[in-house]
Amino acid sequence: MTPSDLDALFAARHSCRAFRPDPVPRTVIQEIIATARRAPSWCNAQPWQLTVTSGDETDRFRAALHQEAASGTPEPDLAWPTRYAGVYQERRRTCGWQLYEAVGVEKGDRVGSAQQMMENFTLFGAPNCVIVSSPADLGPYGAMDCGGFVTAFTIAAQSHGIASIAQAAVASYGPFLHAYFDIPEDRLILCGISFGYADADHPANGFRTERAPISDIVDWRGTI
């Protein structure tokens, strides 16, 4: 693979928000995980543990999660950001308005925006889902390692033509997820990854977010 090939793969990946119902074959999922598990981790701890659903089990989980989100109270294992400020708030808002514009939700339409937000808890119709957890004892280091794994998973999936979206929203109902999947309490549930074949014609997949230029994210030191 050339640098251009890798760049094209990263550019092709996007957060998919509408999927076709066809499940991804188990053999393909195994190949994706086999590649993603090569992600680096502190001391080679490899803290990621995965709960993977497919087909009917994804549908059962989808229904239960949506019901929990409609009536329960969010309680994530990993604390949410204290706030988004400055450029980070600007990027967050831009992404949100791009999505709303794509799906026809106008500014001020709180009902429409709330309905779109609840799509998180239907997994955007994805036929497959991964729940990612890490040992609580490893704290932020385990979470950071798992972030690397999530990136590796989504890129490996893209190389197979499989779309994905990493979802903090799914992990916002920690106690429910621990109970539903029998995930031990000594593990932090970090996120979900919904994945499958993209519905390319759905308007939610009709936009792409921008990336900050290198000059905005690098402080060069020294002479090259």
Protein backbone atom coordinates (compact mmCIF):
# COMPACT_ATOMS: atom_id res chain seq x y z
CA MET A 1 0.00 0.00 0.00
CA THR A 2 1.32 3.42 -0.94
CA PRO A 3 0.90 6.60 1.14
CA SER A 4 -1.66 7.73 -1.44
CA ASP A 5 -3.61 4.51 -0.97
CA LEU A 6 -3.69 5.01 2.79
CA ASP A 7 -4.72 8.65 2.43
CA ALA A 8 -7.55 7.63 0.09
CA LEU A 9 -8.74 5.03 2.59
CA PHE A 10 -8.88 7.59 5.40
CA ALA A 11 -10.62 10.06 3.11
CA ALA A 12 -13.25 7.48 2.12
CA ARG A 13 -14.14 6.69 5.74
CA HIS A 14 -16.99 8.75 7.16
CA SER A 15 -19.47 8.50 10.00
CA CYS A 16 -22.29 6.54 8.38
CA ARG A 17 -25.76 7.43 9.66
CA ALA A 18 -27.91 5.13 7.53
CA PHE A 19 -27.26 1.47 6.74
CA ARG A 20 -28.72 -1.25 4.58
CA PRO A 21 -30.10 -4.21 6.54
CA ASP A 22 -27.70 -6.84 5.14
CA PRO A 23 -25.52 -8.25 7.97
CA VAL A 24 -21.76 -8.33 7.52
CA PRO A 25 -20.52 -11.95 7.25
CA ARG A 26 -18.77 -13.29 10.36
CA THR A 27 -15.63 -14.02 8.34
CA VAL A 28 -15.36 -10.37 7.28
CA ILE A 29 -15.89 -9.15 10.86
CA GLN A 30 -13.14 -11.47 12.03
CA GLU A 31 -10.78 -10.11 9.37
CA ILE A 32 -11.56 -6.52 10.43
CA ILE A 33 -10.87 -7.32 14.08
CA ALA A 34 -7.72 -9.26 13.18
CA THR A 35 -6.36 -6.12 11.51
CA ALA A 36 -7.58 -3.64 14.15
CA ARG A 37 -6.03 -5.63 17.03
CA ARG A 38 -2.61 -4.55 15.72
CA ALA A 39 -3.28 -1.03 17.04
CA PRO A 40 -0.58 0.14 19.46
CA SER A 41 -1.22 0.22 23.20
CA TRP A 42 0.73 1.19 26.30
CA CYS A 43 2.98 -1.73 27.35
CA ASN A 44 1.10 -3.82 24.77
CA ALA A 45 -1.77 -4.09 27.28
CA GLN A 46 -4.36 -4.39 24.47
CA PRO A 47 -7.17 -3.39 26.88
CA TRP A 48 -10.00 -3.50 24.36
CA GLN A 49 -12.72 -6.07 24.89
CA LEU A 50 -15.49 -6.36 22.31
CA THR A 51 -19.11 -7.45 22.44
CA VAL A 52 -20.27 -7.93 18.84
CA THR A 53 -23.88 -8.29 17.74
CA SER A 54 -25.19 -9.42 14.36
CA GLY A 55 -28.56 -9.97 12.71
CA ASP A 56 -31.45 -10.73 15.06
CA GLU A 57 -29.34 -10.04 18.14
CA THR A 58 -28.62 -6.55 16.86
CA ASP A 59 -32.35 -6.00 16.33
CA ARG A 60 -33.12 -7.12 19.90
CA PHE A 61 -30.42 -4.86 21.27
CA ARG A 62 -31.60 -1.96 19.10
CA ALA A 63 -35.15 -2.23 20.46
CA ALA A 64 -34.00 -2.50 24.07
CA LEU A 65 -31.55 0.39 23.75
CA HIS A 66 -34.12 2.65 22.13
CA GLN A 67 -36.60 1.91 24.90
CA GLU A 68 -33.95 2.65 27.53
CA ALA A 69 -32.99 5.92 25.87
CA ALA A 70 -36.64 6.97 25.61
CA SER A 71 -37.34 6.41 29.30
CA GLY A 72 -34.06 6.09 31.20
CA THR A 73 -31.46 8.54 32.49
CA PRO A 74 -28.02 8.72 30.85
CA GLU A 75 -25.24 7.45 33.11
CA PRO A 76 -22.00 6.88 31.17
CA ASP A 77 -19.06 5.00 32.65
CA LEU A 78 -16.68 7.53 31.13
CA ALA A 79 -17.48 11.11 32.08
CA TRP A 80 -18.62 13.37 29.29
CA PRO A 81 -16.50 16.40 28.29
CA THR A 82 -16.87 19.28 30.72
CA ARG A 83 -17.60 21.56 27.79
CA TYR A 84 -16.84 22.32 24.15
CA ALA A 85 -15.39 25.81 23.75
CA GLY A 86 -13.80 27.92 21.03
CA VAL A 87 -12.88 26.12 17.83
CA TYR A 88 -14.05 22.78 19.26
CA GLN A 89 -17.54 24.15 19.79
CA GLU A 90 -17.48 25.64 16.29
CA ARG A 91 -16.54 22.30 14.74
CA ARG A 92 -19.20 20.49 16.77
CA ARG A 93 -21.90 22.93 15.70
CA THR A 94 -20.83 22.84 12.06
CA CYS A 95 -21.04 19.04 12.02
CA GLY A 96 -24.47 19.13 13.66
CA TRP A 97 -25.88 21.67 11.23
CA GLN A 98 -24.47 19.80 8.26
CA LEU A 99 -26.38 16.73 9.39
CA TYR A 100 -29.60 18.62 10.10
CA GLU A 101 -29.45 20.37 6.73
CA ALA A 102 -28.88 17.04 4.98
CA VAL A 103 -31.94 15.42 6.59
CA GLY A 104 -34.17 18.50 6.36
CA VAL A 105 -34.22 19.63 10.00
CA GLU A 106 -34.43 23.42 10.11
CA LYS A 107 -32.88 25.64 12.77
CA GLY A 108 -35.22 25.92 15.73
CA ASP A 109 -36.97 22.62 14.97
CA ARG A 110 -36.41 20.97 18.34
CA VAL A 111 -38.76 18.09 17.60
CA GLY A 112 -36.92 17.27 14.40
CA SER A 113 -33.48 17.55 16.01
CA ALA A 114 -34.61 15.35 18.92
CA GLN A 115 -35.92 12.72 16.50
CA GLN A 116 -32.62 12.73 14.63
CA MET A 117 -30.71 12.42 17.91
CA MET A 118 -32.74 9.35 18.81
CA GLU A 119 -31.49 7.68 15.63
CA ASN A 120 -28.32 7.06 17.64
CA PHE A 121 -30.29 4.57 19.70
CA THR A 122 -31.58 2.69 16.69
CA LEU A 123 -27.92 2.33 15.65
CA PHE A 124 -28.90 4.17 12.46
CA GLY A 125 -30.33 0.90 11.22
CA ALA A 126 -26.96 -0.88 11.26
CA PRO A 127 -27.10 -4.69 11.16
CA ASN A 128 -24.02 -5.03 13.37
CA CYS A 129 -22.72 -3.35 16.50
CA VAL A 130 -19.61 -3.49 18.68
CA ILE A 131 -19.53 -2.43 22.32
CA VAL A 132 -15.98 -1.48 23.35
CA SER A 133 -14.88 -1.71 26.98
CA SER A 134 -11.61 -1.34 28.89
CA PRO A 135 -10.45 -2.28 32.42
CA ALA A 136 -11.40 0.48 34.85
CA ASP A 137 -8.00 0.11 36.55
CA LEU A 138 -6.28 1.40 33.39
CA GLY A 139 -8.28 4.62 33.49
CA PRO A 140 -7.54 7.18 30.77
CA TYR A 141 -4.61 5.16 29.42
CA GLY A 142 -6.88 2.22 28.66
CA ALA A 143 -9.44 4.58 27.12
CA MET A 144 -6.75 6.18 24.95
CA ASP A 145 -5.56 2.76 23.78
CA CYS A 146 -9.12 1.82 22.90
CA GLY A 147 -9.46 5.05 20.93
CA GLY A 148 -6.60 3.82 18.77
CA PHE A 149 -8.37 0.50 18.35
CA VAL A 150 -11.61 2.23 17.31
CA THR A 151 -9.74 4.15 14.62
CA ALA A 152 -8.06 0.97 13.44
CA PHE A 153 -11.41 -0.86 13.38
CA THR A 154 -13.15 1.81 11.31
CA ILE A 155 -10.29 2.02 8.80
CA ALA A 156 -9.99 -1.76 8.54
CA ALA A 157 -13.76 -1.91 7.99
CA GLN A 158 -13.51 0.72 5.25
CA SER A 159 -10.87 -1.38 3.50
CA HIS A 160 -13.53 -4.12 3.21
CA GLY A 161 -16.16 -1.68 1.93
CA ILE A 162 -17.89 -1.68 5.33
CA ALA A 163 -19.20 1.63 6.67
CA SER A 164 -19.18 2.47 10.36
CA ILE A 165 -19.82 5.10 13.00
CA ALA A 166 -18.28 5.28 16.46
CA GLN A 167 -20.97 6.31 18.97
CA ALA A 168 -20.41 7.77 22.42
CA ALA A 169 -24.21 8.07 22.66
CA VAL A 170 -24.62 4.29 22.82
CA ALA A 171 -22.29 4.14 25.84
CA SER A 172 -24.26 6.83 27.69
CA TYR A 173 -26.47 4.18 29.31
CA GLY A 174 -23.73 2.33 31.17
CA PRO A 175 -25.76 0.40 33.76
CA PHE A 176 -28.15 -0.83 31.08
CA LEU A 177 -25.30 -2.05 28.88
CA HIS A 178 -23.53 -3.78 31.77
CA ALA A 179 -26.73 -5.64 32.60
CA TYR A 180 -27.84 -6.37 29.03
CA PHE A 181 -24.53 -7.83 27.89
CA ASP A 182 -23.32 -9.06 31.28
CA ILE A 183 -20.22 -6.85 31.04
CA PRO A 184 -18.34 -6.88 34.39
CA GLU A 185 -18.52 -3.76 36.51
CA ASP A 186 -14.73 -3.54 36.60
CA ARG A 187 -14.72 -2.58 32.92
CA LEU A 188 -15.52 0.86 31.52
CA ILE A 189 -17.90 0.87 28.57
CA LEU A 190 -16.38 3.44 26.24
CA CYS A 191 -18.40 3.50 23.03
CA GLY A 192 -20.33 1.57 20.47
CA ILE A 193 -19.43 1.12 16.82
CA SER A 194 -22.36 0.53 14.49
CA PHE A 195 -21.30 -0.92 11.17
CA GLY A 196 -22.58 -2.48 7.97
CA TYR A 197 -23.16 -1.56 4.34
CA ALA A 198 -23.94 2.10 3.81
CA ASP A 199 -27.25 3.25 2.38
CA ALA A 200 -25.58 5.57 -0.11
CA ASP A 201 -28.89 7.14 -1.17
CA HIS A 202 -29.95 8.22 2.32
CA PRO A 203 -29.63 12.00 2.83
CA ALA A 204 -27.88 11.51 6.19
CA ASN A 205 -24.93 10.14 4.23
CA GLY A 206 -24.92 13.03 1.79
CA PHE A 207 -22.41 15.31 3.52
CA ARG A 208 -18.79 15.14 4.67
CA THR A 209 -17.12 17.00 7.49
CA GLU A 210 -13.99 19.06 6.90
CA ARG A 211 -10.62 18.62 8.59
CA ALA A 212 -8.51 21.41 10.05
CA PRO A 213 -5.45 22.36 7.99
CA ILE A 214 -2.06 21.19 9.22
CA SER A 215 -1.17 24.80 10.13
CA ASP A 216 -4.00 24.80 12.71
CA ILE A 217 -2.92 21.64 14.51
CA VAL A 218 0.91 21.64 14.40
CA ASP A 219 3.40 23.81 16.29
CA TRP A 220 6.62 23.22 14.36
CA ARG A 221 9.86 23.33 16.36
CA GLY A 222 13.31 23.16 14.85
CA THR A 223 14.62 23.35 11.31
CA ILE A 224 14.01 20.60 8.81
